[in-house]
N, C-alpha and C. Protein backbone atom coordinates (compact mmCIF):
# COMPACT_ATOMS: atom_id res chain seq x y z
N MET A 1 173.82 189.77 226.21
CA MET A 1 172.95 188.73 226.73
C MET A 1 173.18 187.41 226.00
N PHE A 2 173.12 187.43 224.67
CA PHE A 2 173.38 186.21 223.89
C PHE A 2 174.75 186.34 223.25
N GLN A 3 175.62 185.41 223.57
CA GLN A 3 177.00 185.47 223.07
C GLN A 3 177.19 184.72 221.76
N ARG A 4 176.47 183.62 221.58
CA ARG A 4 176.62 182.79 220.38
C ARG A 4 175.22 182.49 219.83
N ILE A 5 174.96 183.00 218.64
CA ILE A 5 173.63 182.87 218.03
C ILE A 5 173.74 182.02 216.78
N LEU A 6 173.01 180.92 216.76
CA LEU A 6 172.97 180.04 215.59
C LEU A 6 171.89 180.52 214.63
N VAL A 7 172.26 180.67 213.35
CA VAL A 7 171.33 181.16 212.34
C VAL A 7 171.33 180.20 211.16
N PRO A 8 170.34 179.29 211.07
CA PRO A 8 170.25 178.40 209.91
C PRO A 8 169.80 179.18 208.68
N LEU A 9 170.44 178.94 207.55
CA LEU A 9 170.15 179.66 206.31
C LEU A 9 169.89 178.69 205.17
N ASP A 10 168.86 179.02 204.37
CA ASP A 10 168.60 178.20 203.18
C ASP A 10 168.41 179.05 201.92
N GLY A 11 168.53 180.36 202.05
CA GLY A 11 168.41 181.23 200.89
C GLY A 11 167.00 181.73 200.62
N SER A 12 166.02 181.29 201.39
CA SER A 12 164.64 181.75 201.20
C SER A 12 164.47 183.14 201.80
N PRO A 13 163.44 183.88 201.37
CA PRO A 13 163.17 185.19 201.99
C PRO A 13 162.94 185.08 203.50
N THR A 14 162.34 184.00 203.93
CA THR A 14 162.10 183.79 205.35
C THR A 14 163.42 183.61 206.10
N SER A 15 164.31 182.84 205.54
CA SER A 15 165.63 182.62 206.13
C SER A 15 166.43 183.93 206.15
N ASP A 16 166.36 184.69 205.06
CA ASP A 16 167.04 185.98 204.99
C ASP A 16 166.54 186.92 206.07
N HIS A 17 165.23 186.89 206.32
CA HIS A 17 164.65 187.73 207.37
C HIS A 17 165.19 187.30 208.74
N GLY A 18 165.32 186.00 208.95
CA GLY A 18 165.90 185.49 210.19
C GLY A 18 167.32 186.01 210.38
N LEU A 19 168.09 186.05 209.31
CA LEU A 19 169.46 186.58 209.38
C LEU A 19 169.43 188.05 209.76
N ARG A 20 168.54 188.83 209.12
CA ARG A 20 168.46 190.27 209.44
C ARG A 20 168.13 190.49 210.91
N VAL A 21 167.19 189.71 211.44
CA VAL A 21 166.82 189.84 212.85
C VAL A 21 168.00 189.47 213.75
N ALA A 22 168.71 188.41 213.40
CA ALA A 22 169.88 187.99 214.19
C ALA A 22 170.97 189.06 214.15
N LEU A 23 171.18 189.68 212.99
CA LEU A 23 172.17 190.75 212.88
C LEU A 23 171.79 191.95 213.74
N GLU A 24 170.51 192.31 213.71
CA GLU A 24 170.04 193.43 214.55
C GLU A 24 170.21 193.10 216.03
N LEU A 25 169.85 191.91 216.41
CA LEU A 25 169.97 191.49 217.80
C LEU A 25 171.43 191.52 218.25
N ALA A 26 172.31 190.98 217.42
CA ALA A 26 173.73 190.96 217.75
C ALA A 26 174.30 192.37 217.83
N ASN A 27 173.87 193.23 216.94
CA ASN A 27 174.38 194.60 216.87
C ASN A 27 173.88 195.46 218.03
N ASP A 28 172.70 195.16 218.54
CA ASP A 28 172.09 195.97 219.60
C ASP A 28 172.59 195.65 221.00
N GLN A 29 173.33 194.59 221.15
CA GLN A 29 173.81 194.21 222.48
C GLN A 29 175.07 194.99 222.85
N LYS A 30 175.26 195.20 224.15
CA LYS A 30 176.45 195.92 224.61
C LYS A 30 177.72 195.19 224.17
N GLU A 31 177.74 193.90 224.41
CA GLU A 31 178.87 193.10 223.94
C GLU A 31 178.39 192.34 222.71
N LYS A 32 179.13 192.51 221.63
CA LYS A 32 178.73 191.89 220.37
C LYS A 32 178.64 190.37 220.49
N SER A 33 177.67 189.83 219.81
CA SER A 33 177.51 188.39 219.75
C SER A 33 178.29 187.84 218.57
N ARG A 34 178.52 186.55 218.61
CA ARG A 34 179.13 185.84 217.48
C ARG A 34 178.02 185.05 216.82
N LEU A 35 177.89 185.19 215.51
CA LEU A 35 176.88 184.44 214.77
C LEU A 35 177.51 183.16 214.23
N ILE A 36 176.77 182.07 214.35
CA ILE A 36 177.14 180.80 213.73
C ILE A 36 176.15 180.62 212.59
N LEU A 37 176.62 180.76 211.37
CA LEU A 37 175.78 180.68 210.18
C LEU A 37 175.83 179.27 209.63
N LEU A 38 174.67 178.63 209.58
CA LEU A 38 174.59 177.22 209.20
C LEU A 38 173.79 177.02 207.93
N HIS A 39 174.36 176.25 207.02
CA HIS A 39 173.62 175.82 205.82
C HIS A 39 173.72 174.30 205.74
N VAL A 40 172.59 173.66 205.47
CA VAL A 40 172.56 172.20 205.39
C VAL A 40 172.15 171.79 203.98
N VAL A 41 172.98 170.96 203.36
CA VAL A 41 172.63 170.36 202.07
C VAL A 41 172.00 169.02 202.39
N ASP A 42 170.72 168.90 202.08
CA ASP A 42 169.98 167.66 202.31
C ASP A 42 169.82 166.98 200.96
N ASP A 43 170.65 165.98 200.70
CA ASP A 43 170.64 165.37 199.38
C ASP A 43 169.75 164.13 199.29
N PHE A 44 169.06 163.77 200.35
CA PHE A 44 168.26 162.55 200.31
C PHE A 44 167.14 162.64 199.28
N SER A 45 166.35 163.73 199.31
CA SER A 45 165.25 163.83 198.36
C SER A 45 165.77 163.90 196.93
N MET A 46 166.90 164.60 196.74
CA MET A 46 167.48 164.67 195.41
C MET A 46 168.02 163.31 194.99
N LEU A 47 168.59 162.57 195.93
CA LEU A 47 169.12 161.25 195.64
C LEU A 47 168.01 160.32 195.14
N VAL A 48 166.86 160.38 195.79
CA VAL A 48 165.73 159.55 195.39
C VAL A 48 165.24 159.94 194.00
N GLU A 49 165.09 161.25 193.76
CA GLU A 49 164.58 161.73 192.48
C GLU A 49 165.59 161.59 191.35
N MET A 50 166.85 161.73 191.66
CA MET A 50 167.88 161.80 190.62
C MET A 50 168.71 160.52 190.50
N SER A 51 168.32 159.46 191.17
CA SER A 51 169.15 158.26 191.21
C SER A 51 169.46 157.70 189.83
N ALA A 52 168.57 157.90 188.88
CA ALA A 52 168.81 157.36 187.54
C ALA A 52 169.44 158.39 186.60
N VAL A 53 169.67 159.58 187.11
CA VAL A 53 170.19 160.63 186.25
C VAL A 53 171.71 160.71 186.41
N ALA A 54 172.38 160.82 185.29
CA ALA A 54 173.84 160.81 185.30
C ALA A 54 174.44 162.04 185.97
N ASN A 55 173.73 163.16 185.96
CA ASN A 55 174.33 164.38 186.49
C ASN A 55 173.98 164.63 187.96
N TYR A 56 173.68 163.60 188.70
CA TYR A 56 173.39 163.74 190.13
C TYR A 56 174.54 164.43 190.85
N HIS A 57 175.76 164.02 190.57
CA HIS A 57 176.92 164.58 191.25
C HIS A 57 177.12 166.05 190.90
N GLU A 58 176.81 166.41 189.66
CA GLU A 58 176.89 167.82 189.26
C GLU A 58 175.85 168.64 190.01
N MET A 59 174.65 168.09 190.14
CA MET A 59 173.59 168.79 190.88
C MET A 59 174.00 168.96 192.34
N LEU A 60 174.54 167.92 192.93
CA LEU A 60 174.97 167.98 194.33
C LEU A 60 176.08 169.01 194.50
N GLU A 61 177.02 169.03 193.58
CA GLU A 61 178.10 170.01 193.65
C GLU A 61 177.54 171.43 193.51
N GLY A 62 176.53 171.60 192.69
CA GLY A 62 175.87 172.90 192.56
C GLY A 62 175.22 173.33 193.87
N LEU A 63 174.58 172.39 194.57
CA LEU A 63 173.98 172.70 195.87
C LEU A 63 175.04 173.09 196.88
N ARG A 64 176.16 172.42 196.84
CA ARG A 64 177.26 172.76 197.75
C ARG A 64 177.80 174.16 197.47
N ARG A 65 178.01 174.48 196.19
CA ARG A 65 178.50 175.82 195.83
C ARG A 65 177.50 176.89 196.24
N TYR A 66 176.21 176.62 196.01
CA TYR A 66 175.17 177.57 196.40
C TYR A 66 175.23 177.83 197.91
N GLY A 67 175.35 176.78 198.69
CA GLY A 67 175.44 176.90 200.14
C GLY A 67 176.64 177.72 200.58
N GLN A 68 177.79 177.47 199.95
CA GLN A 68 179.00 178.22 200.29
C GLN A 68 178.86 179.70 199.94
N GLU A 69 178.25 179.99 198.78
CA GLU A 69 178.03 181.38 198.39
C GLU A 69 177.08 182.07 199.37
N LEU A 70 176.04 181.36 199.75
CA LEU A 70 175.07 181.89 200.71
C LEU A 70 175.75 182.22 202.04
N LEU A 71 176.56 181.29 202.53
CA LEU A 71 177.26 181.50 203.80
C LEU A 71 178.29 182.63 203.69
N THR A 72 179.00 182.70 202.58
CA THR A 72 179.99 183.76 202.39
C THR A 72 179.33 185.13 202.38
N GLN A 73 178.20 185.26 201.67
CA GLN A 73 177.48 186.54 201.64
C GLN A 73 177.00 186.93 203.03
N ALA A 74 176.45 185.98 203.77
CA ALA A 74 175.95 186.26 205.11
C ALA A 74 177.10 186.67 206.03
N LYS A 75 178.24 185.98 205.92
CA LYS A 75 179.40 186.30 206.76
C LYS A 75 179.93 187.69 206.42
N ASN A 76 180.00 188.02 205.13
CA ASN A 76 180.47 189.34 204.71
C ASN A 76 179.53 190.44 205.22
N THR A 77 178.24 190.18 205.19
CA THR A 77 177.27 191.15 205.70
C THR A 77 177.48 191.38 207.20
N ALA A 78 177.67 190.30 207.94
CA ALA A 78 177.92 190.41 209.38
C ALA A 78 179.20 191.20 209.64
N HIS A 79 180.26 190.86 208.93
CA HIS A 79 181.54 191.55 209.13
C HIS A 79 181.44 193.03 208.79
N ALA A 80 180.66 193.37 207.76
CA ALA A 80 180.48 194.78 207.39
C ALA A 80 179.81 195.57 208.52
N LEU A 81 179.03 194.88 209.34
CA LEU A 81 178.37 195.52 210.48
C LEU A 81 179.21 195.42 211.76
N GLY A 82 180.39 194.84 211.64
CA GLY A 82 181.25 194.69 212.80
C GLY A 82 180.88 193.52 213.69
N ILE A 83 180.17 192.56 213.13
CA ILE A 83 179.73 191.39 213.89
C ILE A 83 180.56 190.19 213.48
N ASP A 84 181.08 189.49 214.47
CA ASP A 84 181.88 188.30 214.22
C ASP A 84 180.97 187.16 213.78
N ALA A 85 181.38 186.41 212.79
CA ALA A 85 180.56 185.31 212.30
C ALA A 85 181.46 184.18 211.80
N GLU A 86 180.98 182.98 212.00
CA GLU A 86 181.66 181.81 211.44
C GLU A 86 180.64 181.02 210.64
N VAL A 87 181.10 180.26 209.69
CA VAL A 87 180.19 179.51 208.83
C VAL A 87 180.37 178.01 209.06
N VAL A 88 179.24 177.31 208.97
CA VAL A 88 179.24 175.86 209.10
C VAL A 88 178.37 175.31 207.97
N SER A 89 178.93 174.41 207.20
CA SER A 89 178.18 173.75 206.14
C SER A 89 178.11 172.27 206.47
N ARG A 90 176.90 171.75 206.45
CA ARG A 90 176.71 170.33 206.75
C ARG A 90 175.98 169.68 205.58
N GLU A 91 176.26 168.41 205.38
CA GLU A 91 175.60 167.64 204.33
C GLU A 91 175.02 166.38 204.96
N VAL A 92 173.74 166.15 204.73
CA VAL A 92 173.08 164.99 205.32
C VAL A 92 172.29 164.24 204.26
N THR A 93 172.09 162.97 204.53
CA THR A 93 171.28 162.14 203.64
C THR A 93 170.08 161.56 204.37
N GLN A 94 170.28 161.07 205.55
CA GLN A 94 169.17 160.42 206.25
C GLN A 94 168.90 161.03 207.61
N GLN A 95 169.05 162.32 207.71
CA GLN A 95 168.85 163.01 208.97
C GLN A 95 168.00 164.24 208.69
N SER A 96 167.14 164.60 209.63
CA SER A 96 166.31 165.77 209.40
C SER A 96 167.12 167.05 209.58
N ILE A 97 166.69 168.08 208.90
CA ILE A 97 167.34 169.39 209.03
C ILE A 97 167.28 169.85 210.48
N ALA A 98 166.14 169.64 211.12
CA ALA A 98 165.98 170.05 212.53
C ALA A 98 167.02 169.37 213.41
N ASP A 99 167.27 168.09 213.20
CA ASP A 99 168.27 167.39 214.00
C ASP A 99 169.66 167.98 213.80
N VAL A 100 169.98 168.36 212.58
CA VAL A 100 171.28 168.97 212.30
C VAL A 100 171.39 170.32 213.02
N ILE A 101 170.33 171.10 212.98
CA ILE A 101 170.33 172.40 213.67
C ILE A 101 170.56 172.19 215.17
N LEU A 102 169.87 171.23 215.74
CA LEU A 102 170.01 170.96 217.17
C LEU A 102 171.42 170.47 217.51
N GLU A 103 171.98 169.62 216.66
CA GLU A 103 173.36 169.15 216.87
C GLU A 103 174.34 170.30 216.85
N GLU A 104 174.18 171.20 215.89
CA GLU A 104 175.09 172.35 215.79
C GLU A 104 174.93 173.28 216.98
N ALA A 105 173.72 173.46 217.46
CA ALA A 105 173.50 174.31 218.63
C ALA A 105 174.28 173.76 219.82
N ARG A 106 174.25 172.45 219.98
CA ARG A 106 175.00 171.83 221.08
C ARG A 106 176.51 171.88 220.84
N ALA A 107 176.92 171.53 219.63
CA ALA A 107 178.35 171.44 219.31
C ALA A 107 179.05 172.80 219.39
N THR A 108 178.34 173.87 219.06
CA THR A 108 178.95 175.20 219.06
C THR A 108 178.60 176.00 220.31
N SER A 109 177.94 175.37 221.27
CA SER A 109 177.57 176.01 222.54
C SER A 109 176.79 177.30 222.35
N CYS A 110 175.84 177.26 221.43
CA CYS A 110 175.01 178.44 221.19
C CYS A 110 174.07 178.66 222.37
N ASP A 111 173.72 179.92 222.59
CA ASP A 111 172.74 180.20 223.63
C ASP A 111 171.45 180.77 223.07
N LEU A 112 171.33 180.81 221.73
CA LEU A 112 170.09 181.22 221.06
C LEU A 112 170.12 180.72 219.62
N ILE A 113 168.96 180.32 219.13
CA ILE A 113 168.80 179.97 217.71
C ILE A 113 167.79 180.96 217.14
N VAL A 114 168.15 181.62 216.05
CA VAL A 114 167.22 182.52 215.36
C VAL A 114 167.00 181.93 213.98
N MET A 115 165.74 181.61 213.68
CA MET A 115 165.46 181.01 212.37
C MET A 115 164.12 181.46 211.83
N GLY A 116 164.05 181.49 210.53
CA GLY A 116 162.80 181.84 209.88
C GLY A 116 161.85 180.67 209.90
N THR A 117 160.57 181.00 209.86
CA THR A 117 159.55 179.97 209.76
C THR A 117 158.53 180.41 208.71
N HIS A 118 158.00 179.45 208.00
CA HIS A 118 157.00 179.75 206.98
C HIS A 118 155.62 179.90 207.58
N GLY A 119 155.45 179.51 208.83
CA GLY A 119 154.17 179.69 209.51
C GLY A 119 153.06 178.81 208.98
N ARG A 120 153.41 177.63 208.50
CA ARG A 120 152.38 176.73 207.97
C ARG A 120 151.48 176.27 209.10
N ARG A 121 150.22 176.07 208.77
CA ARG A 121 149.25 175.60 209.76
C ARG A 121 148.41 174.49 209.14
N GLY A 122 147.72 173.79 209.99
CA GLY A 122 146.75 172.81 209.55
C GLY A 122 147.34 171.70 208.70
N VAL A 123 146.66 171.39 207.61
CA VAL A 123 147.03 170.27 206.75
C VAL A 123 148.41 170.48 206.13
N ARG A 124 148.72 171.72 205.73
CA ARG A 124 150.04 171.97 205.12
C ARG A 124 151.16 171.63 206.08
N ARG A 125 150.98 171.95 207.37
CA ARG A 125 152.03 171.64 208.34
C ARG A 125 152.13 170.14 208.54
N LEU A 126 150.97 169.48 208.56
CA LEU A 126 150.98 168.02 208.75
C LEU A 126 151.65 167.31 207.59
N THR A 127 151.39 167.77 206.38
CA THR A 127 151.94 167.09 205.21
C THR A 127 153.38 167.49 204.92
N MET A 128 153.74 168.75 205.18
CA MET A 128 155.07 169.22 204.85
C MET A 128 156.01 169.18 206.05
N GLY A 129 155.46 169.07 207.24
CA GLY A 129 156.30 169.06 208.44
C GLY A 129 156.80 170.45 208.76
N SER A 130 157.47 170.57 209.85
CA SER A 130 158.00 171.86 210.25
C SER A 130 159.31 171.65 210.99
N ASP A 131 160.40 171.99 210.32
CA ASP A 131 161.69 171.92 210.99
C ASP A 131 161.72 172.89 212.16
N ALA A 132 161.14 174.07 211.97
CA ALA A 132 161.13 175.07 213.04
C ALA A 132 160.41 174.53 214.27
N GLU A 133 159.27 173.90 214.07
CA GLU A 133 158.53 173.35 215.21
C GLU A 133 159.33 172.27 215.93
N GLN A 134 159.98 171.42 215.17
CA GLN A 134 160.80 170.37 215.76
C GLN A 134 161.97 170.95 216.55
N VAL A 135 162.57 172.02 216.04
CA VAL A 135 163.67 172.67 216.75
C VAL A 135 163.16 173.28 218.05
N VAL A 136 162.02 173.97 218.00
CA VAL A 136 161.46 174.58 219.20
C VAL A 136 161.17 173.52 220.26
N ARG A 137 160.59 172.42 219.85
CA ARG A 137 160.22 171.37 220.81
C ARG A 137 161.43 170.69 221.46
N SER A 138 162.54 170.62 220.75
CA SER A 138 163.68 169.82 221.23
C SER A 138 164.92 170.64 221.60
N SER A 139 164.88 171.93 221.41
CA SER A 139 166.08 172.73 221.61
C SER A 139 166.47 172.87 223.08
N PRO A 140 167.78 172.75 223.34
CA PRO A 140 168.27 172.97 224.70
C PRO A 140 168.43 174.46 225.04
N VAL A 141 168.26 175.32 224.03
CA VAL A 141 168.41 176.77 224.21
C VAL A 141 167.18 177.49 223.65
N PRO A 142 166.98 178.75 224.01
CA PRO A 142 165.84 179.50 223.45
C PRO A 142 165.91 179.57 221.93
N VAL A 143 164.73 179.59 221.31
CA VAL A 143 164.62 179.68 219.86
C VAL A 143 163.73 180.87 219.53
N MET A 144 164.23 181.75 218.66
CA MET A 144 163.43 182.87 218.18
C MET A 144 163.03 182.57 216.75
N LEU A 145 161.73 182.40 216.53
CA LEU A 145 161.21 182.16 215.19
C LEU A 145 160.74 183.48 214.62
N VAL A 146 161.14 183.76 213.40
CA VAL A 146 160.70 184.98 212.73
C VAL A 146 160.04 184.60 211.42
N ARG A 147 159.01 185.32 211.12
CA ARG A 147 158.25 185.04 209.91
C ARG A 147 158.31 186.25 209.00
N HIS A 148 158.70 186.04 207.79
CA HIS A 148 158.78 187.11 206.81
C HIS A 148 157.37 187.42 206.34
N GLU A 149 157.02 188.69 206.32
CA GLU A 149 155.65 189.05 205.97
C GLU A 149 155.29 188.73 204.53
N ASP A 150 156.28 188.60 203.66
CA ASP A 150 156.01 188.28 202.27
C ASP A 150 156.08 186.79 201.97
N ALA A 151 156.21 185.96 203.02
CA ALA A 151 156.32 184.52 202.80
C ALA A 151 155.09 184.01 202.05
N LYS A 152 155.32 183.08 201.14
CA LYS A 152 154.22 182.54 200.34
C LYS A 152 153.16 181.87 201.20
N SER A 153 153.56 181.45 202.38
CA SER A 153 152.62 180.72 203.22
C SER A 153 151.83 181.64 204.14
N ALA A 154 151.88 182.96 203.90
CA ALA A 154 151.11 183.87 204.74
C ALA A 154 149.64 183.49 204.67
N SER A 155 148.96 183.69 205.76
CA SER A 155 147.56 183.27 205.83
C SER A 155 146.70 184.05 204.86
N PHE A 156 145.62 183.43 204.42
CA PHE A 156 144.69 184.06 203.50
C PHE A 156 144.09 185.31 204.12
N LEU A 157 143.72 185.24 205.39
CA LEU A 157 143.13 186.38 206.07
C LEU A 157 144.11 187.54 206.10
N SER A 158 145.36 187.26 206.39
CA SER A 158 146.38 188.31 206.43
C SER A 158 146.53 188.96 205.06
N LYS A 159 146.58 188.15 204.00
CA LYS A 159 146.69 188.68 202.64
C LYS A 159 145.47 189.51 202.30
N LEU A 160 144.30 189.00 202.66
CA LEU A 160 143.06 189.70 202.36
C LEU A 160 143.01 191.04 203.07
N GLN A 161 143.42 191.08 204.33
CA GLN A 161 143.43 192.34 205.07
C GLN A 161 144.38 193.33 204.45
N THR A 162 145.55 192.88 204.04
CA THR A 162 146.55 193.76 203.43
C THR A 162 146.03 194.31 202.11
N GLU A 163 145.49 193.43 201.27
CA GLU A 163 144.98 193.87 199.98
C GLU A 163 143.77 194.77 200.14
N ALA A 164 142.89 194.44 201.07
CA ALA A 164 141.70 195.26 201.30
C ALA A 164 142.10 196.63 201.81
N GLY A 165 143.10 196.68 202.70
CA GLY A 165 143.58 197.96 203.22
C GLY A 165 144.18 198.82 202.12
N ALA A 166 144.98 198.21 201.25
CA ALA A 166 145.59 198.94 200.15
C ALA A 166 144.51 199.45 199.19
N TYR A 167 143.50 198.62 198.93
CA TYR A 167 142.42 199.01 198.04
C TYR A 167 141.63 200.17 198.65
N ALA A 168 141.32 200.06 199.94
CA ALA A 168 140.55 201.10 200.60
C ALA A 168 141.31 202.42 200.59
N LYS A 169 142.62 202.36 200.83
CA LYS A 169 143.43 203.59 200.84
C LYS A 169 143.48 204.23 199.45
N SER A 170 143.56 203.39 198.42
CA SER A 170 143.71 203.95 197.08
C SER A 170 142.39 204.44 196.49
N ASN A 171 141.26 204.04 197.09
CA ASN A 171 139.96 204.40 196.54
C ASN A 171 139.16 205.33 197.45
N VAL A 172 139.79 205.88 198.44
CA VAL A 172 139.11 206.83 199.32
C VAL A 172 139.27 208.21 198.71
N PRO A 173 138.14 208.86 198.38
CA PRO A 173 138.26 210.18 197.77
C PRO A 173 138.85 211.20 198.76
N ILE A 174 139.74 212.03 198.27
CA ILE A 174 140.33 213.07 199.10
C ILE A 174 139.47 214.31 198.98
N GLN A 175 139.05 214.85 200.11
CA GLN A 175 138.15 216.02 200.07
C GLN A 175 138.86 217.29 200.40
């Protein structure tokens, strides 16, 4: 069904979960899909914070190496499962991550984007923004958002229910 799946990666547990879902989806299809693994180095915020620091270039090179290692690991994982994958590394300064994802989706003729989302709501989403939301609103292809259950941004109610359930199970006397 989906021949080319774009998977943006940043190394977070949420992003890793998105990769796992994309791998499962690609593996479950009759005809294997090709994964396009994307990592974006956004140096604008670092440039602003580090402009007076002499080791800015070392930090940037470290981010590049991290991205390449992340992409190589993801590609090796895909290949171990018999899934074809290619890697794309992009570096931006004055462009949003969402815009880069959308550009890559068009440039590589993807027919699906699978990406993790932190599931921020309310004030946190307003102040921190949401690349995932921007991708969903502007994407020319379907977008599958996946949320890792252990994401730090999990809702308070969800955490409370999980903890309360674990507590109740551990404190119920066995008769």
